[in-house]
Amino acid sequence: MAEQNREQLWGSIDGIYWKICEHPFIAGLTDGTLGRNQFHHYLVQDAHYLQGYARALKGCAAMAPIASEQTMFAEHADVAITAEAELHSGLLAELAAGVDPAAAGLLAPTTQAYVSYLMSVTASGSYAEAVAAVLPCYWIYARVGEHLQRHGSPEPLFQRWIDTYAGEEYQAVVEEVLAVADRVGMYAPAAEWELMLGHLRTAARYEWMFFDAAHRLEDWPV
């Protein structure tokens, strides 16, 4: 039953995943043509996003009915703030020389919208809904990391980022969260299951939009 749930969950976002793999931002990572300003924009916005994502994970921890899941989400929230921040700061320091200082400094529209959506679900939805909403960030990055690792990148900075999400340690973290999604999905009533699928698809779409925003160097129009 758990495997069936997982297949249904991934099946609902598989098309979005392939759209992400085909996006010029991802293609630019593998062929080295992505602009440094675009990668810089992505890293700065991801740092903003992870602050909000950590709060959403803490929301999951607060709602979790099982102690091990409370601990897991709380630990993941800490990692989102610390370990990821170290990766970003190192990459940003190396990028700084070739990047416009004014690029990507503020919270961009897509970043704010995505974070606001996650906070809304974790504040007003059920635990199962919250798990479904935060899952795409884990799951899609793991799959995209595998996709990128198969292709590699001629740009060492890009490759270092790819190695983080394709590594066994990150894949193991994602498997922990998938096990939670399996459990809550197995016992979710039909109506709640549909809500889970809806949140999963919406968050997956935001993942595509996040890469697209970086590629466009998104800023506020006024």
N, C-alpha and C. Protein backbone atom coordinates (compact mmCIF):
# COMPACT_ATOMS: atom_id res chain seq x y z
N MET A 1 0.83 -1.20 0.00
CA MET A 1 0.00 0.00 0.00
C MET A 1 0.87 1.26 0.00
N ALA A 2 1.97 1.24 0.81
CA ALA A 2 2.86 2.39 0.87
C ALA A 2 3.49 2.65 -0.48
N GLU A 3 3.93 1.58 -1.17
CA GLU A 3 4.54 1.74 -2.48
C GLU A 3 3.52 2.32 -3.47
N GLN A 4 2.29 1.86 -3.36
CA GLN A 4 1.25 2.38 -4.25
C GLN A 4 1.03 3.87 -4.00
N ASN A 5 0.99 4.27 -2.73
CA ASN A 5 0.83 5.68 -2.40
C ASN A 5 1.98 6.50 -2.98
N ARG A 6 3.21 5.99 -2.83
CA ARG A 6 4.38 6.72 -3.32
C ARG A 6 4.34 6.85 -4.84
N GLU A 7 3.92 5.80 -5.51
CA GLU A 7 3.81 5.85 -6.97
C GLU A 7 2.75 6.87 -7.40
N GLN A 8 1.64 6.92 -6.67
CA GLN A 8 0.60 7.90 -7.00
C GLN A 8 1.08 9.33 -6.74
N LEU A 9 1.80 9.52 -5.66
CA LEU A 9 2.34 10.83 -5.35
C LEU A 9 3.29 11.29 -6.45
N TRP A 10 4.25 10.45 -6.80
CA TRP A 10 5.21 10.84 -7.83
C TRP A 10 4.52 10.98 -9.18
N GLY A 11 3.57 10.11 -9.46
CA GLY A 11 2.86 10.19 -10.73
C GLY A 11 2.16 11.52 -10.93
N SER A 12 1.73 12.14 -9.82
CA SER A 12 1.02 13.42 -9.93
C SER A 12 1.95 14.58 -10.24
N ILE A 13 3.26 14.40 -10.04
CA ILE A 13 4.21 15.50 -10.30
C ILE A 13 5.29 15.11 -11.31
N ASP A 14 5.23 13.91 -11.87
CA ASP A 14 6.27 13.46 -12.79
C ASP A 14 6.41 14.40 -13.99
N GLY A 15 5.28 14.85 -14.53
CA GLY A 15 5.32 15.76 -15.67
C GLY A 15 6.00 17.07 -15.33
N ILE A 16 5.76 17.57 -14.11
CA ILE A 16 6.40 18.81 -13.67
C ILE A 16 7.90 18.60 -13.51
N TYR A 17 8.27 17.45 -12.97
CA TYR A 17 9.70 17.12 -12.82
C TYR A 17 10.42 17.17 -14.16
N TRP A 18 9.83 16.57 -15.18
CA TRP A 18 10.48 16.57 -16.49
C TRP A 18 10.54 17.97 -17.08
N LYS A 19 9.55 18.80 -16.80
CA LYS A 19 9.61 20.19 -17.24
C LYS A 19 10.78 20.92 -16.57
N ILE A 20 11.03 20.58 -15.30
CA ILE A 20 12.17 21.16 -14.59
C ILE A 20 13.48 20.71 -15.24
N CYS A 21 13.59 19.41 -15.54
CA CYS A 21 14.81 18.90 -16.16
C CYS A 21 15.09 19.55 -17.51
N GLU A 22 14.01 19.91 -18.21
CA GLU A 22 14.15 20.52 -19.53
C GLU A 22 14.36 22.03 -19.47
N HIS A 23 14.22 22.62 -18.29
CA HIS A 23 14.28 24.07 -18.18
C HIS A 23 15.69 24.58 -18.52
N PRO A 24 15.80 25.75 -19.16
CA PRO A 24 17.12 26.30 -19.52
C PRO A 24 18.05 26.51 -18.32
N PHE A 25 17.49 26.75 -17.14
CA PHE A 25 18.35 26.90 -15.96
C PHE A 25 19.09 25.59 -15.68
N ILE A 26 18.35 24.48 -15.69
CA ILE A 26 18.96 23.17 -15.42
C ILE A 26 19.89 22.78 -16.56
N ALA A 27 19.45 22.99 -17.80
CA ALA A 27 20.31 22.69 -18.94
C ALA A 27 21.60 23.52 -18.89
N GLY A 28 21.48 24.77 -18.44
CA GLY A 28 22.65 25.64 -18.34
C GLY A 28 23.64 25.19 -17.29
N LEU A 29 23.16 24.49 -16.27
CA LEU A 29 24.08 23.92 -15.28
C LEU A 29 24.93 22.82 -15.89
N THR A 30 24.31 21.99 -16.72
CA THR A 30 25.03 20.83 -17.26
C THR A 30 25.95 21.19 -18.43
N ASP A 31 25.59 22.19 -19.20
CA ASP A 31 26.49 22.56 -20.32
C ASP A 31 27.36 23.77 -20.00
N GLY A 32 27.21 24.31 -18.79
CA GLY A 32 28.07 25.41 -18.35
C GLY A 32 27.70 26.77 -18.87
N THR A 33 26.56 26.88 -19.56
CA THR A 33 26.18 28.16 -20.16
C THR A 33 25.37 29.06 -19.23
N LEU A 34 24.96 28.54 -18.08
CA LEU A 34 24.19 29.37 -17.16
C LEU A 34 25.02 30.56 -16.71
N GLY A 35 24.43 31.75 -16.74
CA GLY A 35 25.16 32.94 -16.35
C GLY A 35 25.46 32.97 -14.86
N ARG A 36 26.57 33.57 -14.51
CA ARG A 36 26.93 33.67 -13.09
C ARG A 36 25.92 34.51 -12.33
N ASN A 37 25.38 35.55 -12.97
CA ASN A 37 24.34 36.35 -12.32
C ASN A 37 23.10 35.51 -12.04
N GLN A 38 22.77 34.61 -12.97
CA GLN A 38 21.60 33.75 -12.79
C GLN A 38 21.81 32.77 -11.63
N PHE A 39 23.00 32.19 -11.55
CA PHE A 39 23.30 31.25 -10.45
C PHE A 39 23.35 32.02 -9.13
N HIS A 40 23.91 33.21 -9.17
CA HIS A 40 23.96 34.05 -7.96
C HIS A 40 22.54 34.38 -7.49
N HIS A 41 21.68 34.76 -8.43
CA HIS A 41 20.27 35.06 -8.10
C HIS A 41 19.63 33.85 -7.43
N TYR A 42 19.85 32.69 -8.01
CA TYR A 42 19.29 31.46 -7.45
C TYR A 42 19.77 31.23 -6.01
N LEU A 43 21.07 31.37 -5.78
CA LEU A 43 21.63 31.08 -4.45
C LEU A 43 21.11 32.07 -3.41
N VAL A 44 21.04 33.34 -3.78
CA VAL A 44 20.54 34.35 -2.83
C VAL A 44 19.08 34.08 -2.50
N GLN A 45 18.29 33.80 -3.53
CA GLN A 45 16.88 33.53 -3.29
C GLN A 45 16.69 32.23 -2.51
N ASP A 46 17.53 31.25 -2.77
CA ASP A 46 17.42 29.98 -2.05
C ASP A 46 17.74 30.18 -0.57
N ALA A 47 18.67 31.06 -0.28
CA ALA A 47 18.98 31.37 1.12
C ALA A 47 17.76 31.98 1.80
N HIS A 48 17.09 32.91 1.10
CA HIS A 48 15.84 33.48 1.64
C HIS A 48 14.79 32.39 1.83
N TYR A 49 14.65 31.56 0.80
CA TYR A 49 13.64 30.50 0.83
C TYR A 49 13.87 29.54 1.99
N LEU A 50 15.12 29.16 2.21
CA LEU A 50 15.40 28.17 3.25
C LEU A 50 15.06 28.67 4.64
N GLN A 51 15.12 29.97 4.85
CA GLN A 51 14.69 30.50 6.14
C GLN A 51 13.21 30.21 6.37
N GLY A 52 12.40 30.44 5.32
CA GLY A 52 10.97 30.14 5.42
C GLY A 52 10.70 28.65 5.45
N TYR A 53 11.46 27.90 4.66
CA TYR A 53 11.27 26.44 4.61
C TYR A 53 11.57 25.83 5.98
N ALA A 54 12.58 26.34 6.64
CA ALA A 54 12.89 25.85 7.99
C ALA A 54 11.72 26.08 8.94
N ARG A 55 11.06 27.22 8.82
CA ARG A 55 9.88 27.48 9.66
C ARG A 55 8.76 26.51 9.33
N ALA A 56 8.59 26.19 8.05
CA ALA A 56 7.57 25.22 7.66
C ALA A 56 7.89 23.84 8.22
N LEU A 57 9.16 23.47 8.20
CA LEU A 57 9.55 22.17 8.77
C LEU A 57 9.33 22.14 10.28
N LYS A 58 9.57 23.25 10.93
CA LYS A 58 9.28 23.32 12.37
C LYS A 58 7.78 23.19 12.62
N GLY A 59 6.98 23.72 11.68
CA GLY A 59 5.53 23.54 11.78
C GLY A 59 5.15 22.08 11.68
N CYS A 60 5.82 21.35 10.77
CA CYS A 60 5.58 19.91 10.66
C CYS A 60 5.98 19.19 11.95
N ALA A 61 7.11 19.60 12.50
CA ALA A 61 7.57 18.98 13.75
C ALA A 61 6.56 19.19 14.87
N ALA A 62 5.99 20.39 14.93
CA ALA A 62 5.03 20.70 16.00
C ALA A 62 3.75 19.88 15.87
N MET A 63 3.38 19.51 14.63
CA MET A 63 2.15 18.75 14.41
C MET A 63 2.36 17.24 14.43
N ALA A 64 3.59 16.80 14.29
CA ALA A 64 3.86 15.37 14.15
C ALA A 64 3.35 14.58 15.36
N PRO A 65 2.60 13.50 15.12
CA PRO A 65 2.04 12.72 16.23
C PRO A 65 3.02 11.68 16.80
N ILE A 66 4.15 11.52 16.15
CA ILE A 66 5.14 10.52 16.55
C ILE A 66 6.44 11.23 16.90
N ALA A 67 7.04 10.84 18.04
CA ALA A 67 8.23 11.53 18.53
C ALA A 67 9.37 11.51 17.52
N SER A 68 9.56 10.38 16.85
CA SER A 68 10.67 10.27 15.90
C SER A 68 10.49 11.25 14.74
N GLU A 69 9.25 11.50 14.34
CA GLU A 69 8.99 12.43 13.25
C GLU A 69 9.13 13.88 13.72
N GLN A 70 8.76 14.13 14.97
CA GLN A 70 9.00 15.45 15.55
C GLN A 70 10.49 15.78 15.51
N THR A 71 11.29 14.81 15.95
CA THR A 71 12.74 15.00 15.99
C THR A 71 13.31 15.17 14.59
N MET A 72 12.85 14.34 13.65
CA MET A 72 13.36 14.38 12.29
C MET A 72 13.14 15.74 11.64
N PHE A 73 11.90 16.25 11.70
CA PHE A 73 11.61 17.53 11.05
C PHE A 73 12.34 18.67 11.75
N ALA A 74 12.47 18.60 13.07
CA ALA A 74 13.20 19.64 13.80
C ALA A 74 14.67 19.65 13.39
N GLU A 75 15.26 18.46 13.25
CA GLU A 75 16.66 18.36 12.82
C GLU A 75 16.82 18.86 11.39
N HIS A 76 15.88 18.52 10.52
CA HIS A 76 15.96 18.98 9.14
C HIS A 76 15.85 20.50 9.05
N ALA A 77 15.05 21.09 9.93
CA ALA A 77 14.94 22.55 9.96
C ALA A 77 16.29 23.19 10.32
N ASP A 78 16.98 22.59 11.28
CA ASP A 78 18.30 23.10 11.68
C ASP A 78 19.30 22.98 10.54
N VAL A 79 19.25 21.86 9.82
CA VAL A 79 20.17 21.65 8.70
C VAL A 79 19.90 22.65 7.59
N ALA A 80 18.63 22.94 7.35
CA ALA A 80 18.27 23.92 6.31
C ALA A 80 18.90 25.27 6.59
N ILE A 81 19.05 25.60 7.85
CA ILE A 81 19.60 26.91 8.22
C ILE A 81 21.12 26.89 8.27
N THR A 82 21.71 25.79 8.76
CA THR A 82 23.16 25.76 9.00
C THR A 82 23.95 25.18 7.83
N ALA A 83 23.77 23.88 7.56
CA ALA A 83 24.58 23.22 6.52
C ALA A 83 24.36 23.85 5.16
N GLU A 84 23.10 24.12 4.81
CA GLU A 84 22.81 24.73 3.51
C GLU A 84 23.41 26.13 3.45
N ALA A 85 23.36 26.85 4.56
CA ALA A 85 23.92 28.20 4.58
C ALA A 85 25.42 28.17 4.31
N GLU A 86 26.10 27.17 4.83
CA GLU A 86 27.54 27.04 4.59
C GLU A 86 27.83 26.81 3.11
N LEU A 87 27.04 25.94 2.48
CA LEU A 87 27.20 25.69 1.05
C LEU A 87 26.98 26.98 0.26
N HIS A 88 25.90 27.69 0.57
CA HIS A 88 25.58 28.91 -0.16
C HIS A 88 26.66 29.97 0.02
N SER A 89 27.13 30.15 1.25
CA SER A 89 28.12 31.20 1.50
C SER A 89 29.41 30.92 0.76
N GLY A 90 29.81 29.64 0.71
CA GLY A 90 31.03 29.29 -0.01
C GLY A 90 30.91 29.55 -1.50
N LEU A 91 29.79 29.15 -2.08
CA LEU A 91 29.58 29.37 -3.51
C LEU A 91 29.44 30.85 -3.82
N LEU A 92 28.71 31.58 -2.98
CA LEU A 92 28.52 33.01 -3.22
C LEU A 92 29.82 33.77 -3.14
N ALA A 93 30.71 33.37 -2.24
CA ALA A 93 32.00 34.04 -2.11
C ALA A 93 32.81 33.90 -3.39
N GLU A 94 32.76 32.72 -3.99
CA GLU A 94 33.50 32.50 -5.23
C GLU A 94 32.85 33.19 -6.42
N LEU A 95 31.54 33.37 -6.36
CA LEU A 95 30.82 34.02 -7.45
C LEU A 95 30.95 35.54 -7.43
N ALA A 96 31.25 36.10 -6.27
CA ALA A 96 31.12 37.55 -6.06
C ALA A 96 31.92 38.36 -7.08
N ALA A 97 33.08 37.87 -7.48
CA ALA A 97 33.94 38.65 -8.36
C ALA A 97 33.32 38.91 -9.72
N GLY A 98 32.50 37.97 -10.19
CA GLY A 98 31.94 38.13 -11.53
C GLY A 98 30.48 38.48 -11.57
N VAL A 99 29.95 39.02 -10.47
CA VAL A 99 28.51 39.26 -10.38
C VAL A 99 28.22 40.72 -10.08
N ASP A 100 27.19 41.23 -10.69
CA ASP A 100 26.72 42.59 -10.43
C ASP A 100 26.31 42.68 -8.96
N PRO A 101 26.91 43.58 -8.17
CA PRO A 101 26.59 43.67 -6.74
C PRO A 101 25.11 43.92 -6.45
N ALA A 102 24.41 44.52 -7.41
CA ALA A 102 22.99 44.83 -7.19
C ALA A 102 22.08 43.65 -7.50
N ALA A 103 22.66 42.55 -8.01
CA ALA A 103 21.83 41.44 -8.48
C ALA A 103 21.23 40.65 -7.33
N ALA A 104 19.93 40.43 -7.42
CA ALA A 104 19.23 39.45 -6.58
C ALA A 104 19.40 39.68 -5.09
N GLY A 105 19.32 40.92 -4.64
CA GLY A 105 19.51 41.16 -3.22
C GLY A 105 18.26 40.99 -2.37
N LEU A 106 17.10 41.33 -2.91
CA LEU A 106 15.87 41.30 -2.13
C LEU A 106 15.09 40.01 -2.37
N LEU A 107 14.14 39.76 -1.48
CA LEU A 107 13.23 38.63 -1.63
C LEU A 107 12.41 38.83 -2.90
N ALA A 108 12.54 37.91 -3.86
CA ALA A 108 11.86 38.03 -5.14
C ALA A 108 10.40 37.55 -5.03
N PRO A 109 9.54 37.95 -5.97
CA PRO A 109 8.12 37.58 -5.89
C PRO A 109 7.86 36.08 -5.76
N THR A 110 8.53 35.28 -6.58
CA THR A 110 8.29 33.83 -6.52
C THR A 110 8.72 33.25 -5.19
N THR A 111 9.85 33.72 -4.68
CA THR A 111 10.33 33.24 -3.38
C THR A 111 9.31 33.54 -2.29
N GLN A 112 8.83 34.77 -2.29
CA GLN A 112 7.86 35.15 -1.25
C GLN A 112 6.57 34.36 -1.39
N ALA A 113 6.12 34.16 -2.63
CA ALA A 113 4.88 33.42 -2.85
C ALA A 113 5.02 31.96 -2.40
N TYR A 114 6.13 31.34 -2.72
CA TYR A 114 6.35 29.94 -2.36
C TYR A 114 6.40 29.78 -0.85
N VAL A 115 7.18 30.63 -0.19
CA VAL A 115 7.30 30.55 1.27
C VAL A 115 5.94 30.81 1.93
N SER A 116 5.22 31.80 1.42
CA SER A 116 3.91 32.12 1.99
C SER A 116 2.95 30.93 1.86
N TYR A 117 3.02 30.25 0.73
CA TYR A 117 2.17 29.08 0.52
C TYR A 117 2.49 27.99 1.55
N LEU A 118 3.76 27.70 1.72
CA LEU A 118 4.15 26.65 2.69
C LEU A 118 3.72 27.03 4.10
N MET A 119 3.92 28.27 4.46
CA MET A 119 3.53 28.71 5.80
C MET A 119 2.02 28.62 5.99
N SER A 120 1.26 28.92 4.94
CA SER A 120 -0.19 28.83 5.02
C SER A 120 -0.64 27.40 5.25
N VAL A 121 -0.06 26.46 4.52
CA VAL A 121 -0.45 25.06 4.65
C VAL A 121 -0.08 24.52 6.02
N THR A 122 1.13 24.83 6.48
CA THR A 122 1.55 24.29 7.78
C THR A 122 0.81 24.97 8.94
N ALA A 123 0.28 26.16 8.70
CA ALA A 123 -0.47 26.86 9.76
C ALA A 123 -1.92 26.44 9.83
N SER A 124 -2.52 26.10 8.68
CA SER A 124 -3.96 25.84 8.66
C SER A 124 -4.36 24.45 8.20
N GLY A 125 -3.42 23.70 7.63
CA GLY A 125 -3.74 22.36 7.15
C GLY A 125 -3.47 21.29 8.18
N SER A 126 -3.77 20.06 7.81
CA SER A 126 -3.47 18.92 8.68
C SER A 126 -2.00 18.54 8.57
N TYR A 127 -1.56 17.63 9.42
CA TYR A 127 -0.18 17.15 9.37
C TYR A 127 0.10 16.51 8.01
N ALA A 128 -0.83 15.70 7.51
CA ALA A 128 -0.64 15.06 6.22
C ALA A 128 -0.50 16.09 5.11
N GLU A 129 -1.30 17.14 5.16
CA GLU A 129 -1.20 18.20 4.16
C GLU A 129 0.16 18.90 4.24
N ALA A 130 0.61 19.17 5.45
CA ALA A 130 1.90 19.85 5.62
C ALA A 130 3.04 19.00 5.07
N VAL A 131 3.00 17.71 5.35
CA VAL A 131 4.04 16.80 4.83
C VAL A 131 4.05 16.83 3.31
N ALA A 132 2.87 16.79 2.71
CA ALA A 132 2.77 16.82 1.25
C ALA A 132 3.30 18.13 0.68
N ALA A 133 3.07 19.24 1.37
CA ALA A 133 3.51 20.54 0.87
C ALA A 133 5.02 20.70 0.90
N VAL A 134 5.67 20.17 1.95
CA VAL A 134 7.14 20.32 2.03
C VAL A 134 7.87 19.23 1.26
N LEU A 135 7.17 18.18 0.85
CA LEU A 135 7.83 17.04 0.21
C LEU A 135 8.50 17.36 -1.13
N PRO A 136 7.89 18.14 -2.03
CA PRO A 136 8.54 18.37 -3.32
C PRO A 136 9.94 18.97 -3.23
N CYS A 137 10.18 19.85 -2.27
CA CYS A 137 11.51 20.43 -2.13
C CYS A 137 12.54 19.33 -1.86
N TYR A 138 12.20 18.38 -1.02
CA TYR A 138 13.08 17.23 -0.78
C TYR A 138 13.21 16.38 -2.05
N TRP A 139 12.07 15.91 -2.52
CA TRP A 139 12.00 14.84 -3.52
C TRP A 139 12.48 15.29 -4.89
N ILE A 140 12.02 16.46 -5.33
CA ILE A 140 12.43 16.95 -6.66
C ILE A 140 13.92 17.26 -6.68
N TYR A 141 14.46 17.82 -5.60
CA TYR A 141 15.90 18.10 -5.59
C TYR A 141 16.70 16.80 -5.64
N ALA A 142 16.22 15.76 -4.99
CA ALA A 142 16.92 14.48 -5.07
C ALA A 142 16.91 13.93 -6.49
N ARG A 143 15.76 13.98 -7.15
CA ARG A 143 15.64 13.47 -8.51
C ARG A 143 16.41 14.35 -9.50
N VAL A 144 16.30 15.66 -9.33
CA VAL A 144 17.04 16.57 -10.21
C VAL A 144 18.54 16.40 -9.98
N GLY A 145 18.95 16.19 -8.74
CA GLY A 145 20.36 15.94 -8.45
C GLY A 145 20.87 14.72 -9.17
N GLU A 146 20.09 13.64 -9.18
CA GLU A 146 20.46 12.44 -9.91
C GLU A 146 20.56 12.71 -11.40
N HIS A 147 19.58 13.46 -11.92
CA HIS A 147 19.57 13.82 -13.34
C HIS A 147 20.83 14.62 -13.70
N LEU A 148 21.16 15.61 -12.88
CA LEU A 148 22.31 16.45 -13.16
C LEU A 148 23.62 15.68 -13.01
N GLN A 149 23.66 14.78 -12.05
CA GLN A 149 24.89 14.00 -11.83
C GLN A 149 25.20 13.12 -13.03
N ARG A 150 24.17 12.60 -13.68
CA ARG A 150 24.38 11.77 -14.86
C ARG A 150 25.00 12.58 -16.00
N HIS A 151 24.67 13.87 -16.04
CA HIS A 151 25.17 14.72 -17.12
C HIS A 151 26.46 15.46 -16.73
N GLY A 152 26.59 15.79 -15.45
CA GLY A 152 27.76 16.52 -14.98
C GLY A 152 27.78 17.96 -15.48
N SER A 153 28.80 18.70 -15.05
CA SER A 153 28.94 20.10 -15.46
C SER A 153 30.41 20.43 -15.65
N PRO A 154 30.73 21.18 -16.69
CA PRO A 154 32.12 21.61 -16.88
C PRO A 154 32.52 22.74 -15.93
N GLU A 155 31.54 23.34 -15.27
CA GLU A 155 31.79 24.44 -14.34
C GLU A 155 31.91 23.89 -12.92
N PRO A 156 33.11 23.98 -12.29
CA PRO A 156 33.30 23.41 -10.95
C PRO A 156 32.30 23.90 -9.90
N LEU A 157 31.93 25.19 -9.96
CA LEU A 157 30.95 25.71 -9.00
C LEU A 157 29.61 25.00 -9.14
N PHE A 158 29.17 24.81 -10.37
CA PHE A 158 27.90 24.13 -10.60
C PHE A 158 28.00 22.68 -10.15
N GLN A 159 29.13 22.04 -10.43
CA GLN A 159 29.29 20.63 -10.07
C GLN A 159 29.27 20.44 -8.56
N ARG A 160 29.84 21.39 -7.83
CA ARG A 160 29.83 21.28 -6.37
C ARG A 160 28.39 21.32 -5.84
N TRP A 161 27.58 22.20 -6.43
CA TRP A 161 26.16 22.26 -6.04
C TRP A 161 25.45 20.96 -6.39
N ILE A 162 25.71 20.43 -7.58
CA ILE A 162 25.10 19.17 -8.02
C ILE A 162 25.46 18.03 -7.07
N ASP A 163 26.73 17.96 -6.69
CA ASP A 163 27.20 16.86 -5.82
C ASP A 163 26.46 16.82 -4.49
N THR A 164 26.07 17.99 -3.99
CA THR A 164 25.37 18.06 -2.71
C THR A 164 24.04 17.31 -2.77
N TYR A 165 23.27 17.54 -3.83
CA TYR A 165 21.93 16.97 -3.91
C TYR A 165 21.89 15.57 -4.52
N ALA A 166 22.99 15.17 -5.16
CA ALA A 166 23.04 13.82 -5.73
C ALA A 166 23.70 12.84 -4.77
N GLY A 167 24.27 13.34 -3.67
CA GLY A 167 25.01 12.49 -2.75
C GLY A 167 24.12 11.54 -1.96
N GLU A 168 24.71 10.47 -1.46
CA GLU A 168 23.97 9.45 -0.72
C GLU A 168 23.38 10.01 0.57
N GLU A 169 24.08 10.94 1.21
CA GLU A 169 23.59 11.50 2.48
C GLU A 169 22.27 12.22 2.26
N TYR A 170 22.20 13.03 1.21
CA TYR A 170 20.95 13.75 0.94
C TYR A 170 19.85 12.79 0.52
N GLN A 171 20.20 11.80 -0.27
CA GLN A 171 19.20 10.82 -0.71
C GLN A 171 18.61 10.08 0.49
N ALA A 172 19.43 9.81 1.51
CA ALA A 172 18.94 9.13 2.71
C ALA A 172 17.97 10.01 3.49
N VAL A 173 18.24 11.31 3.52
CA VAL A 173 17.34 12.26 4.18
C VAL A 173 15.97 12.25 3.49
N VAL A 174 16.00 12.27 2.17
CA VAL A 174 14.75 12.27 1.41
C VAL A 174 13.96 10.98 1.66
N GLU A 175 14.65 9.88 1.76
CA GLU A 175 13.97 8.60 2.01
C GLU A 175 13.27 8.62 3.36
N GLU A 176 13.84 9.28 4.35
CA GLU A 176 13.19 9.41 5.66
C GLU A 176 11.84 10.13 5.54
N VAL A 177 11.83 11.20 4.76
CA VAL A 177 10.60 11.97 4.61
C VAL A 177 9.59 11.20 3.77
N LEU A 178 10.05 10.48 2.77
CA LEU A 178 9.14 9.66 1.97
C LEU A 178 8.48 8.59 2.83
N ALA A 179 9.21 8.05 3.79
CA ALA A 179 8.62 7.06 4.69
C ALA A 179 7.47 7.67 5.50
N VAL A 180 7.62 8.95 5.89
CA VAL A 180 6.54 9.64 6.60
C VAL A 180 5.35 9.85 5.66
N ALA A 181 5.64 10.27 4.43
CA ALA A 181 4.57 10.47 3.45
C ALA A 181 3.84 9.16 3.18
N ASP A 182 4.58 8.07 3.13
CA ASP A 182 3.96 6.75 2.95
C ASP A 182 2.98 6.47 4.08
N ARG A 183 3.42 6.75 5.31
CA ARG A 183 2.60 6.41 6.47
C ARG A 183 1.33 7.27 6.53
N VAL A 184 1.49 8.58 6.38
CA VAL A 184 0.32 9.44 6.50
C VAL A 184 -0.63 9.24 5.32
N GLY A 185 -0.05 8.94 4.15
CA GLY A 185 -0.89 8.70 2.97
C GLY A 185 -1.70 7.43 3.09
N MET A 186 -1.12 6.44 3.74
CA MET A 186 -1.79 5.16 3.89
C MET A 186 -3.06 5.28 4.72
N TYR A 187 -3.02 6.17 5.71
CA TYR A 187 -4.16 6.29 6.62
C TYR A 187 -5.03 7.52 6.34
N ALA A 188 -4.68 8.30 5.34
CA ALA A 188 -5.45 9.50 5.04
C ALA A 188 -6.80 9.15 4.43
N PRO A 189 -7.89 9.75 4.90
CA PRO A 189 -9.19 9.58 4.22
C PRO A 189 -9.10 10.11 2.79
N ALA A 190 -10.04 9.71 1.97
CA ALA A 190 -10.00 10.08 0.55
C ALA A 190 -9.91 11.59 0.34
N ALA A 191 -10.67 12.35 1.11
CA ALA A 191 -10.66 13.80 0.94
C ALA A 191 -9.31 14.39 1.30
N GLU A 192 -8.70 13.88 2.37
CA GLU A 192 -7.40 14.39 2.77
C GLU A 192 -6.32 13.98 1.77
N TRP A 193 -6.44 12.78 1.21
CA TRP A 193 -5.50 12.31 0.20
C TRP A 193 -5.53 13.24 -1.01
N GLU A 194 -6.71 13.68 -1.42
CA GLU A 194 -6.81 14.60 -2.55
C GLU A 194 -6.17 15.95 -2.22
N LEU A 195 -6.33 16.38 -0.97
CA LEU A 195 -5.66 17.61 -0.55
C LEU A 195 -4.15 17.45 -0.59
N MET A 196 -3.66 16.29 -0.17
CA MET A 196 -2.22 16.02 -0.23
C MET A 196 -1.71 16.12 -1.66
N LEU A 197 -2.44 15.49 -2.58
CA LEU A 197 -2.02 15.53 -3.98
C LEU A 197 -2.02 16.97 -4.51
N GLY A 198 -3.02 17.74 -4.11
CA GLY A 198 -3.09 19.13 -4.55
C GLY A 198 -1.92 19.96 -4.04
N HIS A 199 -1.57 19.80 -2.77
CA HIS A 199 -0.43 20.54 -2.21
C HIS A 199 0.87 20.09 -2.86
N LEU A 200 1.00 18.81 -3.11
CA LEU A 200 2.21 18.28 -3.75
C LEU A 200 2.40 18.91 -5.13
N ARG A 201 1.32 18.96 -5.91
CA ARG A 201 1.41 19.53 -7.26
C ARG A 201 1.72 21.03 -7.20
N THR A 202 1.07 21.74 -6.29
CA THR A 202 1.30 23.19 -6.20
C THR A 202 2.74 23.48 -5.82
N ALA A 203 3.26 22.78 -4.82
CA ALA A 203 4.65 23.01 -4.40
C ALA A 203 5.62 22.61 -5.51
N ALA A 204 5.30 21.55 -6.25
CA ALA A 204 6.16 21.14 -7.36
C ALA A 204 6.19 22.22 -8.45
N ARG A 205 5.04 22.82 -8.70
CA ARG A 205 4.98 23.93 -9.67
C ARG A 205 5.83 25.11 -9.19
N TYR A 206 5.79 25.38 -7.90
CA TYR A 206 6.64 26.44 -7.37
C TYR A 206 8.12 26.11 -7.55
N GLU A 207 8.48 24.83 -7.47
CA GLU A 207 9.87 24.45 -7.71
C GLU A 207 10.29 24.84 -9.13
N TRP A 208 9.42 24.55 -10.12
CA TRP A 208 9.71 24.97 -11.50
C TRP A 208 9.82 26.48 -11.57
N MET A 209 8.88 27.17 -10.94
CA MET A 209 8.86 28.63 -10.98
C MET A 209 10.11 29.23 -10.34
N PHE A 210 10.64 28.55 -9.31
CA PHE A 210 11.82 29.06 -8.62
C PHE A 210 13.03 29.06 -9.56
N PHE A 211 13.23 27.96 -10.28
CA PHE A 211 14.33 27.90 -11.26
C PHE A 211 14.10 28.92 -12.37
N ASP A 212 12.85 29.05 -12.81
CA ASP A 212 12.53 29.98 -13.88
C ASP A 212 12.78 31.42 -13.45
N ALA A 213 12.45 31.73 -12.20
CA ALA A 213 12.67 33.08 -11.69
C ALA A 213 14.15 33.43 -11.68
N ALA A 214 14.99 32.47 -11.30
CA ALA A 214 16.43 32.70 -11.31
C ALA A 214 16.94 32.90 -12.73
N HIS A 215 16.42 32.11 -13.65
CA HIS A 215 16.84 32.22 -15.04
C HIS A 215 16.48 33.59 -15.61
N ARG A 216 15.32 34.14 -15.17
CA ARG A 216 14.86 35.44 -15.67
C ARG A 216 15.41 36.60 -14.84
N LEU A 217 16.19 36.28 -13.79
CA LEU A 217 16.64 37.31 -12.85
C LEU A 217 15.45 38.12 -12.35
N GLU A 218 14.45 37.40 -11.88
CA GLU A 218 13.18 38.02 -11.48
C GLU A 218 13.37 39.10 -10.43
N ASP A 219 12.63 40.18 -10.63
CA ASP A 219 12.61 41.26 -9.66
C ASP A 219 11.18 41.80 -9.59
N TRP A 220 10.90 42.63 -8.61
CA TRP A 220 9.59 43.24 -8.50
C TRP A 220 9.41 44.23 -9.64
N PRO A 221 8.25 44.23 -10.31
CA PRO A 221 8.05 45.08 -11.47
C PRO A 221 7.96 46.57 -11.13
N VAL A 222 7.56 46.90 -9.91
CA VAL A 222 7.45 48.30 -9.51
C VAL A 222 8.01 48.45 -8.10
